[in-house]
Amino acid sequence: MYDKESEKKYVSDIEIIFQVLEKDSGYESSRKVKEISFLKENFYQIKSDNLHKGEIEFDLESNSYQVNIKIIDIKSRRVWSKSIDVDKNSSDLFSDIYFYNLDNDDNSYINEFVDKDIQNLGCRFQYINSKGVESLDLYLLKINDTLYKEKIDVKPSYNEYDINIPIPEYINGNVICLITDNDISKSKKLIFEDKNISNLWSYDQNKLKTIMRYVLPSKIYKKIKKMEEDELKLFLKNYFNKMDPDVKTSQNELIDELNFRVKYAISNFKEQKTEGWKTDRGRIYIVYGQPKSTSREQNPRTFVKRETWVYPSGDVFVFEENSFGRYYLINGIF
């Protein structure tokens, strides 16, 4: 939760508690507390970059532990918690892979989508060399095609790696980053925006028209329905340039927000084979943005899963899950 302290200052303070328990006895062997402050310069940053990368060290003597992590928002006292198991003899030698934008001074975190303007991708991970491995292989793969490969020398006494991946000009679409010691591997999916597509949109024509049906007035949408791709993109570029909320900046904040919402919907609301931007939840998110609050419960009459989104405007949207795992918008509240 962020507090707006000025026009260009949003602040959030959190406290993280780490509790380390011995797996066999349940004895608490260590506990540490860390406080972190997030400072953002605009509202868009609040939603797109909330990752903190840091380190906290523990001296572990036995082999198996349970680590309980509790995150507390200092202002609201809301709490998030997670437990993980740690085994010093585990065969899981790789940590999760962390990507970030090397072209920005703030090294902003990349969850999945890689903007077409990014030239160099930072890649961080940890690897415990318990087998005397001399090198690791890093690949960018698309189906059966190797788009990029790099050999990484294994460090004898240090587990953390920070790799610069220069992005090839021809890379686009869904790509898998794979790191392997030829025995154990770690992978993560990335989606690269096509560098050859207009700076305004990265979707194909059909996606673009469908999304415009969500957000444009009906009279404007009727105009674009029969447009071909080049005419369509030029029309929309001029249309949204006129809607730019702050012409003094180089960015069009309206376009940035719409692009963010579409990407978020794609990433978070996919249902079976239906893409996230086509689902009911995805459509509502694209039109209305992040809800003020969400809740999940069961329909008291049918006992099916229900999800309710509430917005500051007073709009309320209720979705219910059918037997096939799809969420559909319900008219009204039961």
C-alpha atoms as a PDB file:
ATOM      1  CA  MET A   1       0.000   0.000   0.000  1.00  0.00           C
ATOM      2  CA  TYR A   2       1.427   3.357  -1.088  1.00  0.00           C
ATOM      3  CA  ASP A   3       0.926   6.822   0.400  1.00  0.00           C
ATOM      4  CA  LYS A   4       1.019   9.796  -1.942  1.00  0.00           C
ATOM      5  CA  GLU A   5       3.289  12.303  -0.223  1.00  0.00           C
ATOM      6  CA  SER A   6       3.560  14.696  -3.188  1.00  0.00           C
ATOM      7  CA  GLU A   7       2.917  14.845  -6.939  1.00  0.00           C
ATOM      8  CA  LYS A   8       6.077  12.841  -7.596  1.00  0.00           C
ATOM      9  CA  LYS A   9       6.466  10.799  -4.443  1.00  0.00           C
ATOM     10  CA  TYR A  10       4.647   7.586  -3.502  1.00  0.00           C
ATOM     11  CA  VAL A  11       5.980   5.732  -0.460  1.00  0.00           C
ATOM     12  CA  SER A  12       5.349   2.283   0.986  1.00  0.00           C
ATOM     13  CA  ASP A  13       7.026   0.843   4.097  1.00  0.00           C
ATOM     14  CA  ILE A  14       7.057  -2.884   4.844  1.00  0.00           C
ATOM     15  CA  GLU A  15       8.585  -5.134   7.476  1.00  0.00           C
ATOM     16  CA  ILE A  16       9.770  -8.662   6.685  1.00  0.00           C
ATOM     17  CA  ILE A  17      10.205 -11.279   9.416  1.00  0.00           C
ATOM     18  CA  PHE A  18      12.291 -14.378   8.684  1.00  0.00           C
ATOM     19  CA  GLN A  19      11.918 -17.327  11.072  1.00  0.00           C
ATOM     20  CA  VAL A  20      14.140 -20.394  10.612  1.00  0.00           C
ATOM     21  CA  LEU A  21      12.978 -23.668  12.223  1.00  0.00           C
ATOM     22  CA  GLU A  22      14.876 -26.949  12.365  1.00  0.00           C
ATOM     23  CA  LYS A  23      12.803 -29.393  10.340  1.00  0.00           C
ATOM     24  CA  ASP A  24      13.088 -32.364  12.685  1.00  0.00           C
ATOM     25  CA  SER A  25      12.658 -30.691  16.102  1.00  0.00           C
ATOM     26  CA  GLY A  26      10.709 -27.533  15.205  1.00  0.00           C
ATOM     27  CA  TYR A  27      13.274 -25.553  17.236  1.00  0.00           C
ATOM     28  CA  GLU A  28      13.650 -21.903  16.171  1.00  0.00           C
ATOM     29  CA  SER A  29      17.322 -21.582  15.287  1.00  0.00           C
ATOM     30  CA  SER A  30      17.176 -17.999  14.033  1.00  0.00           C
ATOM     31  CA  ARG A  31      14.891 -15.028  13.488  1.00  0.00           C
ATOM     32  CA  LYS A  32      15.661 -11.779  11.655  1.00  0.00           C
ATOM     33  CA  VAL A  33      13.650  -8.663  10.794  1.00  0.00           C
ATOM     34  CA  LYS A  34      14.227  -6.367   7.831  1.00  0.00           C
ATOM     35  CA  GLU A  35      12.491  -3.076   7.004  1.00  0.00           C
ATOM     36  CA  ILE A  36      12.195  -1.881   3.400  1.00  0.00           C
ATOM     37  CA  SER A  37      10.867   1.358   1.894  1.00  0.00           C
ATOM     38  CA  PHE A  38       9.615   1.632  -1.684  1.00  0.00           C
ATOM     39  CA  LEU A  39       9.732   5.066  -3.327  1.00  0.00           C
ATOM     40  CA  LYS A  40       7.975   5.635  -6.669  1.00  0.00           C
ATOM     41  CA  GLU A  41       7.772   8.745  -8.792  1.00  0.00           C
ATOM     42  CA  ASN A  42       4.416   8.041 -10.454  1.00  0.00           C
ATOM     43  CA  PHE A  43       1.334   5.845 -10.193  1.00  0.00           C
ATOM     44  CA  TYR A  44       2.342   3.666 -13.154  1.00  0.00           C
ATOM     45  CA  GLN A  45       5.519   2.553 -11.372  1.00  0.00           C
ATOM     46  CA  ILE A  46       3.460   1.364  -8.405  1.00  0.00           C
ATOM     47  CA  LYS A  47       1.821  -1.320 -10.506  1.00  0.00           C
ATOM     48  CA  SER A  48       4.687  -2.327 -12.760  1.00  0.00           C
ATOM     49  CA  ASP A  49       7.746  -2.548 -10.515  1.00  0.00           C
ATOM     50  CA  ASN A  50       7.411  -3.701  -6.912  1.00  0.00           C
ATOM     51  CA  LEU A  51      10.241  -6.192  -6.661  1.00  0.00           C
ATOM     52  CA  HIS A  52      12.954  -5.790  -4.049  1.00  0.00           C
ATOM     53  CA  LYS A  53      16.144  -7.775  -4.463  1.00  0.00           C
ATOM     54  CA  GLY A  54      18.262  -8.215  -1.377  1.00  0.00           C
ATOM     55  CA  GLU A  55      20.131 -10.734   0.702  1.00  0.00           C
ATOM     56  CA  ILE A  56      19.854 -11.952   4.259  1.00  0.00           C
ATOM     57  CA  GLU A  57      22.307 -14.470   5.688  1.00  0.00           C
ATOM     58  CA  PHE A  58      21.856 -17.304   8.203  1.00  0.00           C
ATOM     59  CA  ASP A  59      24.381 -19.756   9.606  1.00  0.00           C
ATOM     60  CA  LEU A  60      22.852 -23.203   9.073  1.00  0.00           C
ATOM     61  CA  GLU A  61      24.379 -26.197  10.787  1.00  0.00           C
ATOM     62  CA  SER A  62      21.905 -29.047  10.326  1.00  0.00           C
ATOM     63  CA  ASN A  63      20.559 -30.138   6.947  1.00  0.00           C
ATOM     64  CA  SER A  64      16.813 -29.465   6.817  1.00  0.00           C
ATOM     65  CA  TYR A  65      14.918 -26.298   7.768  1.00  0.00           C
ATOM     66  CA  GLN A  66      11.557 -24.646   7.383  1.00  0.00           C
ATOM     67  CA  VAL A  67      11.759 -20.911   6.671  1.00  0.00           C
ATOM     68  CA  ASN A  68       8.644 -18.875   7.523  1.00  0.00           C
ATOM     69  CA  ILE A  69       8.463 -15.460   5.871  1.00  0.00           C
ATOM     70  CA  LYS A  70       5.962 -12.829   6.984  1.00  0.00           C
ATOM     71  CA  ILE A  71       5.564  -9.486   5.169  1.00  0.00           C
ATOM     72  CA  ILE A  72       3.749  -6.707   7.029  1.00  0.00           C
ATOM     73  CA  ASP A  73       2.549  -3.420   5.551  1.00  0.00           C
ATOM     74  CA  ILE A  74       3.527  -1.035   8.338  1.00  0.00           C
ATOM     75  CA  LYS A  75       0.642   1.388   7.740  1.00  0.00           C
ATOM     76  CA  SER A  76      -2.304  -0.953   7.123  1.00  0.00           C
ATOM     77  CA  ARG A  77      -0.870  -3.923   9.111  1.00  0.00           C
ATOM     78  CA  ARG A  78      -1.940  -6.246   6.316  1.00  0.00           C
ATOM     79  CA  VAL A  79       0.086  -9.455   6.382  1.00  0.00           C
ATOM     80  CA  TRP A  80       1.311 -11.860   3.717  1.00  0.00           C
ATOM     81  CA  SER A  81       3.088 -15.070   4.671  1.00  0.00           C
ATOM     82  CA  LYS A  82       4.874 -17.966   3.021  1.00  0.00           C
ATOM     83  CA  SER A  83       6.770 -21.071   4.186  1.00  0.00           C
ATOM     84  CA  ILE A  84       9.534 -22.803   2.267  1.00  0.00           C
ATOM     85  CA  ASP A  85      11.646 -25.867   2.976  1.00  0.00           C
ATOM     86  CA  VAL A  86      15.439 -25.622   2.766  1.00  0.00           C
ATOM     87  CA  ASP A  87      17.649 -28.699   2.478  1.00  0.00           C
ATOM     88  CA  LYS A  88      21.389 -28.132   2.363  1.00  0.00           C
ATOM     89  CA  ASN A  89      21.806 -31.475   0.570  1.00  0.00           C
ATOM     90  CA  SER A  90      19.008 -30.811  -1.933  1.00  0.00           C
ATOM     91  CA  SER A  91      19.556 -31.634  -5.598  1.00  0.00           C
ATOM     92  CA  ASP A  92      17.779 -28.379  -6.507  1.00  0.00           C
ATOM     93  CA  LEU A  93      20.955 -26.441  -7.182  1.00  0.00           C
ATOM     94  CA  PHE A  94      19.403 -23.501  -9.054  1.00  0.00           C
ATOM     95  CA  SER A  95      17.472 -20.600  -7.584  1.00  0.00           C
ATOM     96  CA  ASP A  96      14.677 -18.886  -9.480  1.00  0.00           C
ATOM     97  CA  ILE A  97      15.828 -16.773 -12.432  1.00  0.00           C
ATOM     98  CA  TYR A  98      15.500 -13.007 -12.045  1.00  0.00           C
ATOM     99  CA  PHE A  99      15.424 -10.748 -15.146  1.00  0.00           C
ATOM    100  CA  TYR A 100      15.865  -6.984 -15.260  1.00  0.00           C
ATOM    101  CA  ASN A 101      16.344  -4.161 -17.762  1.00  0.00           C
ATOM    102  CA  LEU A 102      20.047  -3.305 -18.083  1.00  0.00           C
ATOM    103  CA  ASP A 103      19.303  -0.267 -20.264  1.00  0.00           C
ATOM    104  CA  ASN A 104      17.577   1.589 -17.404  1.00  0.00           C
ATOM    105  CA  ASP A 105      19.452   3.205 -14.546  1.00  0.00           C
ATOM    106  CA  ASP A 106      17.042   1.630 -12.049  1.00  0.00           C
ATOM    107  CA  ASN A 107      17.478  -1.900 -13.508  1.00  0.00           C
ATOM    108  CA  SER A 108      13.707  -2.385 -13.441  1.00  0.00           C
ATOM    109  CA  TYR A 109      12.432  -5.927 -12.901  1.00  0.00           C
ATOM    110  CA  ILE A 110      11.054  -7.935 -15.841  1.00  0.00           C
ATOM    111  CA  ASN A 111       8.472 -10.532 -14.909  1.00  0.00           C
ATOM    112  CA  GLU A 112       7.642 -11.934 -18.343  1.00  0.00           C
ATOM    113  CA  PHE A 113       7.229  -9.252 -21.034  1.00  0.00           C
ATOM    114  CA  VAL A 114      10.379  -7.845 -22.630  1.00  0.00           C
ATOM    115  CA  ASP A 115       9.773  -4.481 -24.288  1.00  0.00           C
ATOM    116  CA  LYS A 116      11.073  -4.134 -27.845  1.00  0.00           C
ATOM    117  CA  ASP A 117      13.212  -1.129 -26.857  1.00  0.00           C
ATOM    118  CA  ILE A 118      15.299  -3.194 -24.425  1.00  0.00           C
ATOM    119  CA  GLN A 119      18.699  -4.047 -25.927  1.00  0.00           C
ATOM    120  CA  ASN A 120      20.360  -5.806 -22.983  1.00  0.00           C
ATOM    121  CA  LEU A 121      18.670  -8.168 -20.569  1.00  0.00           C
ATOM    122  CA  GLY A 122      20.110  -8.739 -17.107  1.00  0.00           C
ATOM    123  CA  CYS A 123      19.812 -12.291 -15.745  1.00  0.00           C
ATOM    124  CA  ARG A 124      20.540 -13.160 -12.105  1.00  0.00           C
ATOM    125  CA  PHE A 125      20.417 -16.557 -10.451  1.00  0.00           C
ATOM    126  CA  GLN A 126      22.195 -18.685  -7.880  1.00  0.00           C
ATOM    127  CA  TYR A 127      23.826 -22.034  -8.521  1.00  0.00           C
ATOM    128  CA  ILE A 128      25.322 -24.273  -5.823  1.00  0.00           C
ATOM    129  CA  ASN A 129      28.269 -26.104  -7.341  1.00  0.00           C
ATOM    130  CA  SER A 130      28.276 -29.308  -5.319  1.00  0.00           C
ATOM    131  CA  LYS A 131      29.367 -31.523  -8.226  1.00  0.00           C
ATOM    132  CA  GLY A 132      32.572 -29.887  -9.425  1.00  0.00           C
ATOM    133  CA  VAL A 133      30.903 -28.469 -12.549  1.00  0.00           C
ATOM    134  CA  GLU A 134      33.191 -26.190 -14.596  1.00  0.00           C
ATOM    135  CA  SER A 135      30.596 -24.341 -16.715  1.00  0.00           C
ATOM    136  CA  LEU A 136      26.890 -23.773 -17.263  1.00  0.00           C
ATOM    137  CA  ASP A 137      25.037 -23.270 -20.546  1.00  0.00           C
ATOM    138  CA  LEU A 138      22.439 -20.523 -20.982  1.00  0.00           C
ATOM    139  CA  TYR A 139      20.014 -20.781 -23.912  1.00  0.00           C
ATOM    140  CA  LEU A 140      17.194 -18.717 -25.370  1.00  0.00           C
ATOM    141  CA  LEU A 141      14.967 -21.273 -27.093  1.00  0.00           C
ATOM    142  CA  LYS A 142      11.920 -21.054 -29.338  1.00  0.00           C
ATOM    143  CA  ILE A 143      10.267 -24.406 -30.106  1.00  0.00           C
ATOM    144  CA  ASN A 144      13.252 -26.386 -31.451  1.00  0.00           C
ATOM    145  CA  ASP A 145      15.350 -23.381 -32.452  1.00  0.00           C
ATOM    146  CA  THR A 146      18.281 -22.017 -30.417  1.00  0.00           C
ATOM    147  CA  LEU A 147      18.176 -18.212 -30.644  1.00  0.00           C
ATOM    148  CA  TYR A 148      21.056 -17.484 -28.288  1.00  0.00           C
ATOM    149  CA  LYS A 149      23.640 -19.498 -26.345  1.00  0.00           C
ATOM    150  CA  GLU A 150      26.259 -18.483 -23.781  1.00  0.00           C
ATOM    151  CA  LYS A 151      28.715 -20.535 -21.748  1.00  0.00           C
ATOM    152  CA  ILE A 152      29.066 -19.378 -18.137  1.00  0.00           C
ATOM    153  CA  ASP A 153      32.187 -20.237 -16.151  1.00  0.00           C
ATOM    154  CA  VAL A 154      31.296 -21.638 -12.727  1.00  0.00           C
ATOM    155  CA  LYS A 155      32.791 -19.734  -9.809  1.00  0.00           C
ATOM    156  CA  PRO A 156      34.687 -21.871  -7.287  1.00  0.00           C
ATOM    157  CA  SER A 157      33.496 -20.196  -4.082  1.00  0.00           C
ATOM    158  CA  TYR A 158      30.587 -17.901  -5.005  1.00  0.00           C
ATOM    159  CA  ASN A 159      27.033 -18.955  -5.802  1.00  0.00           C
ATOM    160  CA  GLU A 160      25.525 -15.827  -7.376  1.00  0.00           C
ATOM    161  CA  TYR A 161      25.663 -15.067 -11.110  1.00  0.00           C
ATOM    162  CA  ASP A 162      24.767 -11.870 -12.971  1.00  0.00           C
ATOM    163  CA  ILE A 163      24.707 -12.282 -16.752  1.00  0.00           C
ATOM    164  CA  ASN A 164      24.237  -9.703 -19.533  1.00  0.00           C
ATOM    165  CA  ILE A 165      22.203 -11.123 -22.424  1.00  0.00           C
ATOM    166  CA  PRO A 166      22.342  -8.973 -25.588  1.00  0.00           C
ATOM    167  CA  ILE A 167      18.944  -9.382 -27.251  1.00  0.00           C
ATOM    168  CA  PRO A 168      19.154 -10.496 -30.907  1.00  0.00           C
ATOM    169  CA  GLU A 169      17.287  -8.218 -33.358  1.00  0.00           C
ATOM    170  CA  TYR A 170      15.198 -11.067 -34.791  1.00  0.00           C
ATOM    171  CA  ILE A 171      13.881 -12.419 -31.479  1.00  0.00           C
ATOM    172  CA  ASN A 172      10.134 -12.118 -30.769  1.00  0.00           C
ATOM    173  CA  GLY A 173       7.223 -13.990 -29.227  1.00  0.00           C
ATOM    174  CA  ASN A 174       7.356 -16.734 -26.603  1.00  0.00           C
ATOM    175  CA  VAL A 175      10.900 -17.752 -25.678  1.00  0.00           C
ATOM    176  CA  ILE A 176      12.280 -20.059 -22.984  1.00  0.00           C
ATOM    177  CA  CYS A 177      15.435 -19.090 -21.085  1.00  0.00           C
ATOM    178  CA  LEU A 178      17.124 -22.321 -20.001  1.00  0.00           C
ATOM    179  CA  ILE A 179      20.177 -22.614 -17.751  1.00  0.00           C
ATOM    180  CA  THR A 180      21.706 -26.070 -17.307  1.00  0.00           C
ATOM    181  CA  ASP A 181      24.757 -27.868 -15.973  1.00  0.00           C
ATOM    182  CA  ASN A 182      23.900 -30.716 -18.410  1.00  0.00           C
ATOM    183  CA  ASP A 183      22.273 -32.627 -15.572  1.00  0.00           C
ATOM    184  CA  ILE A 184      19.913 -30.233 -13.764  1.00  0.00           C
ATOM    185  CA  SER A 185      18.182 -27.285 -15.432  1.00  0.00           C
ATOM    186  CA  LYS A 186      16.188 -24.186 -14.543  1.00  0.00           C
ATOM    187  CA  SER A 187      13.945 -22.387 -17.036  1.00  0.00           C
ATOM    188  CA  LYS A 188      11.604 -19.416 -17.316  1.00  0.00           C
ATOM    189  CA  LYS A 189       9.322 -18.133 -20.074  1.00  0.00           C
ATOM    190  CA  LEU A 190       9.766 -14.688 -21.583  1.00  0.00           C
ATOM    191  CA  ILE A 191       7.637 -12.883 -24.148  1.00  0.00           C
ATOM    192  CA  PHE A 192       9.626 -10.591 -26.456  1.00  0.00           C
ATOM    193  CA  GLU A 193       7.783  -7.832 -28.269  1.00  0.00           C
ATOM    194  CA  ASP A 194       8.529  -7.719 -31.989  1.00  0.00           C
ATOM    195  CA  LYS A 195      11.058  -4.951 -32.729  1.00  0.00           C
ATOM    196  CA  ASN A 196       9.617  -4.487 -36.234  1.00  0.00           C
ATOM    197  CA  ILE A 197       6.129  -3.530 -35.018  1.00  0.00           C
ATOM    198  CA  SER A 198       5.078   0.093 -34.566  1.00  0.00           C
ATOM    199  CA  ASN A 199       6.046   1.723 -31.286  1.00  0.00           C
ATOM    200  CA  LEU A 200       2.385   2.211 -30.488  1.00  0.00           C
ATOM    201  CA  TRP A 201       1.090  -1.371 -30.524  1.00  0.00           C
ATOM    202  CA  SER A 202       2.563  -4.826 -30.226  1.00  0.00           C
ATOM    203  CA  TYR A 203      -0.615  -6.822 -30.922  1.00  0.00           C
ATOM    204  CA  ASP A 204      -1.855  -8.242 -34.209  1.00  0.00           C
ATOM    205  CA  GLN A 205      -4.756  -6.599 -36.016  1.00  0.00           C
ATOM    206  CA  ASN A 206      -7.459  -8.901 -34.665  1.00  0.00           C
ATOM    207  CA  LYS A 207      -6.341  -8.460 -31.063  1.00  0.00           C
ATOM    208  CA  LEU A 208      -6.109  -4.728 -31.548  1.00  0.00           C
ATOM    209  CA  LYS A 209      -9.652  -4.391 -32.887  1.00  0.00           C
ATOM    210  CA  THR A 210     -11.069  -6.564 -30.108  1.00  0.00           C
ATOM    211  CA  ILE A 211      -9.334  -4.528 -27.406  1.00  0.00           C
ATOM    212  CA  MET A 212     -10.504  -1.293 -29.046  1.00  0.00           C
ATOM    213  CA  ARG A 213     -14.055  -2.630 -28.886  1.00  0.00           C
ATOM    214  CA  TYR A 214     -13.612  -2.721 -25.105  1.00  0.00           C
ATOM    215  CA  VAL A 215     -12.327   0.822 -24.679  1.00  0.00           C
ATOM    216  CA  LEU A 216     -13.439   3.058 -27.573  1.00  0.00           C
ATOM    217  CA  PRO A 217     -16.798   4.839 -27.989  1.00  0.00           C
ATOM    218  CA  SER A 218     -19.073   2.865 -30.336  1.00  0.00           C
ATOM    219  CA  LYS A 219     -18.945   5.545 -33.063  1.00  0.00           C
ATOM    220  CA  ILE A 220     -15.138   5.416 -33.148  1.00  0.00           C
ATOM    221  CA  TYR A 221     -15.087   1.639 -33.050  1.00  0.00           C
ATOM    222  CA  LYS A 222     -17.404   1.429 -36.097  1.00  0.00           C
ATOM    223  CA  LYS A 223     -14.881   3.510 -38.041  1.00  0.00           C
ATOM    224  CA  ILE A 224     -11.971   1.172 -37.370  1.00  0.00           C
ATOM    225  CA  LYS A 225     -13.769  -2.150 -37.972  1.00  0.00           C
ATOM    226  CA  LYS A 226     -13.120  -2.099 -41.722  1.00  0.00           C
ATOM    227  CA  MET A 227      -9.657  -0.525 -41.603  1.00  0.00           C
ATOM    228  CA  GLU A 228      -6.599  -2.417 -42.796  1.00  0.00           C
ATOM    229  CA  GLU A 229      -3.596  -2.778 -40.474  1.00  0.00           C
ATOM    230  CA  ASP A 230      -1.541   0.274 -41.542  1.00  0.00           C
ATOM    231  CA  GLU A 231      -4.565   2.587 -41.678  1.00  0.00           C
ATOM    232  CA  LEU A 232      -5.774   1.231 -38.335  1.00  0.00           C
ATOM    233  CA  LYS A 233      -2.499   1.855 -36.505  1.00  0.00           C
ATOM    234  CA  LEU A 234      -2.085   5.341 -37.966  1.00  0.00           C
ATOM    235  CA  PHE A 235      -5.640   6.264 -36.993  1.00  0.00           C
ATOM    236  CA  LEU A 236      -5.212   4.988 -33.444  1.00  0.00           C
ATOM    237  CA  LYS A 237      -1.836   6.635 -33.034  1.00  0.00           C
ATOM    238  CA  ASN A 238      -3.344  10.018 -33.946  1.00  0.00           C
ATOM    239  CA  TYR A 239      -6.430   9.351 -31.816  1.00  0.00           C
ATOM    240  CA  PHE A 240      -4.487   8.529 -28.672  1.00  0.00           C
ATOM    241  CA  ASN A 241      -1.984  11.338 -29.247  1.00  0.00           C
ATOM    242  CA  LYS A 242      -4.924  13.726 -28.936  1.00  0.00           C
ATOM    243  CA  MET A 243      -5.919  11.965 -25.689  1.00  0.00           C
ATOM    244  CA  ASP A 244      -2.428  12.236 -24.141  1.00  0.00           C
ATOM    245  CA  PRO A 245      -3.028  13.447 -20.542  1.00  0.00           C
ATOM    246  CA  ASP A 246       0.377  15.144 -20.297  1.00  0.00           C
ATOM    247  CA  VAL A 247       1.815  16.444 -23.576  1.00  0.00           C
ATOM    248  CA  LYS A 248       4.876  17.819 -21.759  1.00  0.00           C
ATOM    249  CA  THR A 249       6.278  14.310 -21.299  1.00  0.00           C
ATOM    250  CA  SER A 250       7.719  12.075 -24.024  1.00  0.00           C
ATOM    251  CA  GLN A 251       5.426   9.241 -22.955  1.00  0.00           C
ATOM    252  CA  ASN A 252       1.707   8.929 -23.505  1.00  0.00           C
ATOM    253  CA  GLU A 253       0.519   7.828 -20.067  1.00  0.00           C
ATOM    254  CA  LEU A 254      -2.826   6.682 -21.478  1.00  0.00           C
ATOM    255  CA  ILE A 255      -1.100   4.299 -23.897  1.00  0.00           C
ATOM    256  CA  ASP A 256       1.264   3.120 -21.158  1.00  0.00           C
ATOM    257  CA  GLU A 257      -1.667   2.320 -18.878  1.00  0.00           C
ATOM    258  CA  LEU A 258      -3.595   0.493 -21.608  1.00  0.00           C
ATOM    259  CA  ASN A 259      -0.539  -1.530 -22.614  1.00  0.00           C
ATOM    260  CA  PHE A 260       0.075  -2.422 -18.971  1.00  0.00           C
ATOM    261  CA  ARG A 261      -3.522  -3.567 -18.480  1.00  0.00           C
ATOM    262  CA  VAL A 262      -3.489  -5.720 -21.604  1.00  0.00           C
ATOM    263  CA  LYS A 263      -0.193  -7.346 -20.646  1.00  0.00           C
ATOM    264  CA  TYR A 264      -1.426  -7.933 -17.102  1.00  0.00           C
ATOM    265  CA  ALA A 265      -4.625  -9.534 -18.423  1.00  0.00           C
ATOM    266  CA  ILE A 266      -2.660 -11.797 -20.741  1.00  0.00           C
ATOM    267  CA  SER A 267      -0.354 -12.861 -17.926  1.00  0.00           C
ATOM    268  CA  ASN A 268      -2.915 -13.329 -15.132  1.00  0.00           C
ATOM    269  CA  PHE A 269      -6.337 -14.242 -16.544  1.00  0.00           C
ATOM    270  CA  LYS A 270      -5.748 -17.030 -19.049  1.00  0.00           C
ATOM    271  CA  GLU A 271      -8.404 -19.737 -18.636  1.00  0.00           C
ATOM    272  CA  GLN A 272      -7.704 -23.119 -20.222  1.00  0.00           C
ATOM    273  CA  LYS A 273      -7.079 -22.339 -23.914  1.00  0.00           C
ATOM    274  CA  THR A 274      -8.693 -18.886 -23.796  1.00  0.00           C
ATOM    275  CA  GLU A 275      -6.147 -16.062 -23.775  1.00  0.00           C
ATOM    276  CA  GLY A 276      -6.294 -13.724 -20.787  1.00  0.00           C
ATOM    277  CA  TRP A 277      -7.369 -10.652 -22.770  1.00  0.00           C
ATOM    278  CA  LYS A 278     -10.428 -12.531 -24.103  1.00  0.00           C
ATOM    279  CA  THR A 279     -11.792 -13.697 -20.722  1.00  0.00           C
ATOM    280  CA  ASP A 280     -14.407 -11.816 -18.711  1.00  0.00           C
ATOM    281  CA  ARG A 281     -11.947 -10.957 -15.969  1.00  0.00           C
ATOM    282  CA  GLY A 282      -9.381  -9.832 -18.545  1.00  0.00           C
ATOM    283  CA  ARG A 283     -11.929  -7.646 -20.319  1.00  0.00           C
ATOM    284  CA  ILE A 284     -13.019  -5.943 -17.084  1.00  0.00           C
ATOM    285  CA  TYR A 285      -9.410  -5.410 -16.042  1.00  0.00           C
ATOM    286  CA  ILE A 286      -8.540  -3.786 -19.385  1.00  0.00           C
ATOM    287  CA  VAL A 287     -11.527  -1.412 -19.151  1.00  0.00           C
ATOM    288  CA  TYR A 288     -11.479  -0.579 -15.424  1.00  0.00           C
ATOM    289  CA  GLY A 289      -7.921  -1.361 -14.295  1.00  0.00           C
ATOM    290  CA  GLN A 290      -6.886  -2.600 -10.865  1.00  0.00           C
ATOM    291  CA  PRO A 291      -9.847  -3.024  -8.481  1.00  0.00           C
ATOM    292  CA  LYS A 292      -9.761  -1.359  -5.073  1.00  0.00           C
ATOM    293  CA  SER A 293     -10.399  -4.736  -3.462  1.00  0.00           C
ATOM    294  CA  THR A 294     -11.032  -8.339  -4.434  1.00  0.00           C
ATOM    295  CA  SER A 295     -12.599 -11.148  -2.445  1.00  0.00           C
ATOM    296  CA  ARG A 296     -13.054 -14.855  -3.025  1.00  0.00           C
ATOM    297  CA  GLU A 297     -15.761 -17.019  -1.531  1.00  0.00           C
ATOM    298  CA  GLN A 298     -18.461 -19.515  -2.521  1.00  0.00           C
ATOM    299  CA  ASN A 299     -21.879 -18.697  -3.916  1.00  0.00           C
ATOM    300  CA  PRO A 300     -24.099 -19.342  -0.854  1.00  0.00           C
ATOM    301  CA  ARG A 301     -26.741 -21.041  -3.015  1.00  0.00           C
ATOM    302  CA  THR A 302     -24.732 -23.087  -5.505  1.00  0.00           C
ATOM    303  CA  PHE A 303     -21.390 -23.382  -3.620  1.00  0.00           C
ATOM    304  CA  VAL A 304     -19.370 -22.606  -6.744  1.00  0.00           C
ATOM    305  CA  LYS A 305     -16.284 -20.390  -6.485  1.00  0.00           C
ATOM    306  CA  ARG A 306     -16.975 -16.684  -6.695  1.00  0.00           C
ATOM    307  CA  GLU A 307     -14.664 -13.697  -7.147  1.00  0.00           C
ATOM    308  CA  THR A 308     -15.823 -10.117  -6.476  1.00  0.00           C
ATOM    309  CA  TRP A 309     -14.055  -6.966  -7.676  1.00  0.00           C
ATOM    310  CA  VAL A 310     -14.900  -3.591  -6.120  1.00  0.00           C
ATOM    311  CA  TYR A 311     -13.796  -0.260  -7.631  1.00  0.00           C
ATOM    312  CA  PRO A 312     -13.501   3.214  -6.058  1.00  0.00           C
ATOM    313  CA  SER A 313     -16.210   4.414  -8.487  1.00  0.00           C
ATOM    314  CA  GLY A 314     -18.697   2.088  -6.791  1.00  0.00           C
ATOM    315  CA  ASP A 315     -18.719  -0.425  -9.676  1.00  0.00           C
ATOM    316  CA  VAL A 316     -18.839  -4.030  -8.511  1.00  0.00           C
ATOM    317  CA  PHE A 317     -18.179  -7.063 -10.749  1.00  0.00           C
ATOM    318  CA  VAL A 318     -18.845 -10.638  -9.675  1.00  0.00           C
ATOM    319  CA  PHE A 319     -17.366 -13.643 -11.479  1.00  0.00           C
ATOM    320  CA  GLU A 320     -18.250 -17.282 -10.909  1.00  0.00           C
ATOM    321  CA  GLU A 321     -16.310 -20.368 -11.937  1.00  0.00           C
ATOM    322  CA  ASN A 322     -18.038 -23.077 -13.949  1.00  0.00           C
ATOM    323  CA  SER A 323     -17.161 -26.770 -13.862  1.00  0.00           C
ATOM    324  CA  PHE A 324     -14.520 -26.273 -16.574  1.00  0.00           C
ATOM    325  CA  GLY A 325     -12.513 -23.703 -14.614  1.00  0.00           C
ATOM    326  CA  ARG A 326     -13.767 -20.647 -16.544  1.00  0.00           C
ATOM    327  CA  TYR A 327     -14.865 -17.479 -14.729  1.00  0.00           C
ATOM    328  CA  TYR A 328     -17.937 -15.701 -16.099  1.00  0.00           C
ATOM    329  CA  LEU A 329     -19.269 -12.270 -15.213  1.00  0.00           C
ATOM    330  CA  ILE A 330     -22.555 -12.363 -13.255  1.00  0.00           C
ATOM    331  CA  ASN A 331     -25.122  -9.577 -13.574  1.00  0.00           C
ATOM    332  CA  GLY A 332     -25.744  -8.278 -10.092  1.00  0.00           C
ATOM    333  CA  ILE A 333     -24.810  -9.680  -6.692  1.00  0.00           C
ATOM    334  CA  PHE A 334     -26.579 -12.643  -5.002  1.00  0.00           C
END
